[in-house]
Amino acid sequence: MELLFISGMSGAGKSVAMDILEDLNYYCVDNMPLKLIPTFFFFF
């Protein structure tokens, strides 16, 4: 399993990158609090 973080400033194209990753069958979550990342990662 791979975990990929996309970050950047407003208007940097994060939503476009997420759309492309979703087309490549990645599961994407936007605006996840840092405390929930371990729970999310171990869920899969």
Protein backbone atom coordinates (compact mmCIF):
# COMPACT_ATOMS: atom_id res chain seq x y z
CA MET A 1 0.00 0.00 0.00
CA GLU A 2 1.22 3.46 -0.85
CA LEU A 3 0.43 6.66 1.02
CA LEU A 4 0.83 9.84 -0.99
CA PHE A 5 0.55 13.35 0.44
CA ILE A 6 -0.13 16.29 -1.83
CA SER A 7 0.38 19.73 -0.38
CA GLY A 8 0.71 23.23 -1.68
CA MET A 9 -0.61 26.73 -1.50
CA SER A 10 -4.05 27.81 -2.62
CA GLY A 11 -4.31 27.73 -6.41
CA ALA A 12 -1.31 25.42 -6.82
CA GLY A 13 -3.32 22.67 -8.55
CA LYS A 14 -3.94 20.25 -5.69
CA SER A 15 -7.51 19.59 -6.84
CA VAL A 16 -6.31 18.89 -10.37
CA ALA A 17 -3.70 16.46 -9.02
CA MET A 18 -6.36 14.71 -6.94
CA ASP A 19 -8.65 14.42 -9.97
CA ILE A 20 -5.85 12.79 -11.96
CA LEU A 21 -5.03 10.38 -9.11
CA GLU A 22 -8.69 9.41 -8.79
CA ASP A 23 -8.71 8.64 -12.52
CA LEU A 24 -5.74 6.34 -11.84
CA ASN A 25 -7.82 4.48 -9.18
CA TYR A 26 -6.28 6.12 -6.12
CA TYR A 27 -8.54 6.82 -3.15
CA CYS A 28 -8.30 10.53 -2.34
CA VAL A 29 -9.30 12.48 0.75
CA ASP A 30 -9.19 16.25 0.95
CA ASN A 31 -8.69 18.27 4.16
CA MET A 32 -8.08 15.37 6.54
CA PRO A 33 -6.97 16.43 10.05
CA LEU A 34 -3.49 15.17 10.91
CA LYS A 35 -4.77 13.24 13.93
CA LEU A 36 -6.96 11.08 11.67
CA ILE A 37 -4.18 9.98 9.30
CA PRO A 38 -3.10 6.93 11.39
CA THR A 39 -6.71 5.79 11.66
CA PHE A 40 -7.23 6.22 7.92
CA PHE A 41 -3.98 4.48 6.99
CA PHE A 42 -4.60 1.42 9.19
CA PHE A 43 -8.20 1.16 7.98
CA PHE A 44 -7.00 -0.17 4.61
